[in-house]
Each structure stands twice: as structure tokens, then as C-alpha cells.
Amino acid sequence: MFGIESLFIWLIVGAVAGWLAGMIMKSKGGLVNNIIVGIIGAFIGGWLLPTLGVSVGVGMVSAIITATIGAVVLLFILGLIKK
């Protein structure tokens, strides 16, 4: 199952991906927002990329890339909704 290490990795990946997506989309948010956006982005990216036939590999770097792509998509959609 999930251990404390897995939770810690999710938080790190979420924080980095959320921060990168925020930089790309020029969005302002704190650490908690970045983590939330990054974790949700990981789910979106994990669903979207294989659906499109795209594979970025395995490992921590590919998880960050996938989560960042998903987080950018999330921030884009949220931006459309807010307008």
C-alpha cells in the first residue's frame, strides 16, 4: 500500500509540478496551492498522456513532467472558467 515515503514523494512531485505549471501559466499561488494543483495535475496528466498515446518514461523526472503537463491543463481550464 502507501507508506509515508509515498506520501512524501507525492507532495514533492505535486509541489514541483504545481510550481512549474504556475511559472508556465504565470499563475500566483502559495506552496499549498502548488501542491494541490500538482497532485490534481498528476491525475490529469496520468490519464491524458496515455490517452493521446504519449509516453514520457518512468521515474521521478517523468512523473514531474507528466504532473506539470496535467497541472498546466488544469490551470488553463480554470482560467477559462474564471473568465
C-alpha atoms as a PDB file:
ATOM      1  CA  MET A   1       0.000   0.000   0.000  1.00  0.00           C
ATOM      2  CA  PHE A   2       1.060   3.577   0.513  1.00  0.00           C
ATOM      3  CA  GLY A   3       3.622   4.446   3.116  1.00  0.00           C
ATOM      4  CA  ILE A   4       4.879   7.729   4.457  1.00  0.00           C
ATOM      5  CA  GLU A   5       7.570   7.673   1.763  1.00  0.00           C
ATOM      6  CA  SER A   6       4.958   7.512  -0.993  1.00  0.00           C
ATOM      7  CA  LEU A   7       3.056  10.412   0.528  1.00  0.00           C
ATOM      8  CA  PHE A   8       6.253  12.431   0.763  1.00  0.00           C
ATOM      9  CA  ILE A   9       7.068  11.720  -2.906  1.00  0.00           C
ATOM     10  CA  TRP A  10       3.528  12.740  -3.950  1.00  0.00           C
ATOM     11  CA  LEU A  11       3.961  16.015  -2.054  1.00  0.00           C
ATOM     12  CA  ILE A  12       7.345  16.712  -3.652  1.00  0.00           C
ATOM     13  CA  VAL A  13       6.141  15.876  -7.164  1.00  0.00           C
ATOM     14  CA  GLY A  14       2.984  17.920  -6.587  1.00  0.00           C
ATOM     15  CA  ALA A  15       4.881  20.931  -5.268  1.00  0.00           C
ATOM     16  CA  VAL A  16       7.435  20.935  -8.096  1.00  0.00           C
ATOM     17  CA  ALA A  17       4.838  20.308 -10.816  1.00  0.00           C
ATOM     18  CA  GLY A  18       2.475  22.936  -9.397  1.00  0.00           C
ATOM     19  CA  TRP A  19       5.272  25.470  -9.149  1.00  0.00           C
ATOM     20  CA  LEU A  20       6.433  24.768 -12.723  1.00  0.00           C
ATOM     21  CA  ALA A  21       2.865  24.988 -14.035  1.00  0.00           C
ATOM     22  CA  GLY A  22       2.401  28.254 -12.151  1.00  0.00           C
ATOM     23  CA  MET A  23       5.551  29.638 -13.772  1.00  0.00           C
ATOM     24  CA  ILE A  24       4.455  28.492 -17.232  1.00  0.00           C
ATOM     25  CA  MET A  25       0.913  29.838 -16.857  1.00  0.00           C
ATOM     26  CA  LYS A  26       2.042  32.924 -14.882  1.00  0.00           C
ATOM     27  CA  SER A  27      -0.268  31.984 -12.027  1.00  0.00           C
ATOM     28  CA  LYS A  28       0.263  33.110  -8.465  1.00  0.00           C
ATOM     29  CA  GLY A  29      -0.188  30.606  -5.680  1.00  0.00           C
ATOM     30  CA  GLY A  30       1.381  29.508  -2.467  1.00  0.00           C
ATOM     31  CA  LEU A  31       3.012  26.211  -1.584  1.00  0.00           C
ATOM     32  CA  VAL A  32      -0.246  24.519  -0.601  1.00  0.00           C
ATOM     33  CA  ASN A  33      -1.948  25.641  -3.838  1.00  0.00           C
ATOM     34  CA  ASN A  34       1.032  24.410  -5.865  1.00  0.00           C
ATOM     35  CA  ILE A  35       0.894  21.014  -4.187  1.00  0.00           C
ATOM     36  CA  ILE A  36      -2.855  20.694  -4.773  1.00  0.00           C
ATOM     37  CA  VAL A  37      -2.597  21.797  -8.415  1.00  0.00           C
ATOM     38  CA  GLY A  38       0.379  19.483  -8.950  1.00  0.00           C
ATOM     39  CA  ILE A  39      -1.320  16.430  -7.445  1.00  0.00           C
ATOM     40  CA  ILE A  40      -4.529  17.009  -9.404  1.00  0.00           C
ATOM     41  CA  GLY A  41      -2.344  17.674 -12.437  1.00  0.00           C
ATOM     42  CA  ALA A  42      -0.643  14.310 -11.922  1.00  0.00           C
ATOM     43  CA  PHE A  43      -4.006  12.577 -12.205  1.00  0.00           C
ATOM     44  CA  ILE A  44      -4.956  14.622 -15.270  1.00  0.00           C
ATOM     45  CA  GLY A  45      -1.587  14.073 -16.934  1.00  0.00           C
ATOM     46  CA  GLY A  46      -1.602  10.383 -15.998  1.00  0.00           C
ATOM     47  CA  TRP A  47      -4.933   9.994 -17.780  1.00  0.00           C
ATOM     48  CA  LEU A  48      -4.406  12.426 -20.675  1.00  0.00           C
ATOM     49  CA  LEU A  49      -0.953  11.457 -21.940  1.00  0.00           C
ATOM     50  CA  PRO A  50      -1.599   7.709 -22.364  1.00  0.00           C
ATOM     51  CA  THR A  51      -4.970   8.544 -23.948  1.00  0.00           C
ATOM     52  CA  LEU A  52      -3.092  10.603 -26.538  1.00  0.00           C
ATOM     53  CA  GLY A  53      -0.510   7.833 -26.968  1.00  0.00           C
ATOM     54  CA  VAL A  54       2.309   9.849 -25.368  1.00  0.00           C
ATOM     55  CA  SER A  55       4.825   8.219 -23.039  1.00  0.00           C
ATOM     56  CA  VAL A  56       7.401  10.226 -21.113  1.00  0.00           C
ATOM     57  CA  GLY A  57       9.031   7.233 -19.436  1.00  0.00           C
ATOM     58  CA  VAL A  58       9.283   6.158 -15.826  1.00  0.00           C
ATOM     59  CA  GLY A  59      10.861   7.643 -12.744  1.00  0.00           C
ATOM     60  CA  MET A  60      10.714  10.839 -10.758  1.00  0.00           C
ATOM     61  CA  VAL A  61      11.551  13.185 -13.649  1.00  0.00           C
ATOM     62  CA  SER A  62       8.867  11.704 -15.891  1.00  0.00           C
ATOM     63  CA  ALA A  63       6.365  11.914 -13.015  1.00  0.00           C
ATOM     64  CA  ILE A  64       7.163  15.615 -12.630  1.00  0.00           C
ATOM     65  CA  ILE A  65       6.843  16.166 -16.397  1.00  0.00           C
ATOM     66  CA  THR A  66       3.516  14.324 -16.525  1.00  0.00           C
ATOM     67  CA  ALA A  67       2.169  16.150 -13.473  1.00  0.00           C
ATOM     68  CA  THR A  68       3.342  19.502 -14.839  1.00  0.00           C
ATOM     69  CA  ILE A  69       1.579  18.934 -18.161  1.00  0.00           C
ATOM     70  CA  GLY A  70      -1.587  17.963 -16.306  1.00  0.00           C
ATOM     71  CA  ALA A  71      -1.275  20.975 -13.990  1.00  0.00           C
ATOM     72  CA  VAL A  72      -0.865  23.326 -16.961  1.00  0.00           C
ATOM     73  CA  VAL A  73      -4.030  21.854 -18.489  1.00  0.00           C
ATOM     74  CA  LEU A  74      -5.811  22.295 -15.142  1.00  0.00           C
ATOM     75  CA  LEU A  75      -4.710  25.924 -14.777  1.00  0.00           C
ATOM     76  CA  PHE A  76      -5.727  26.625 -18.377  1.00  0.00           C
ATOM     77  CA  ILE A  77      -9.206  25.206 -17.806  1.00  0.00           C
ATOM     78  CA  LEU A  78      -9.548  27.090 -14.505  1.00  0.00           C
ATOM     79  CA  GLY A  79      -8.508  30.277 -16.310  1.00  0.00           C
ATOM     80  CA  LEU A  80     -11.247  29.742 -18.882  1.00  0.00           C
ATOM     81  CA  ILE A  81     -13.823  29.147 -16.177  1.00  0.00           C
ATOM     82  CA  LYS A  82     -12.845  32.276 -14.227  1.00  0.00           C
ATOM     83  CA  LYS A  83     -13.319  34.489 -17.302  1.00  0.00           C
END
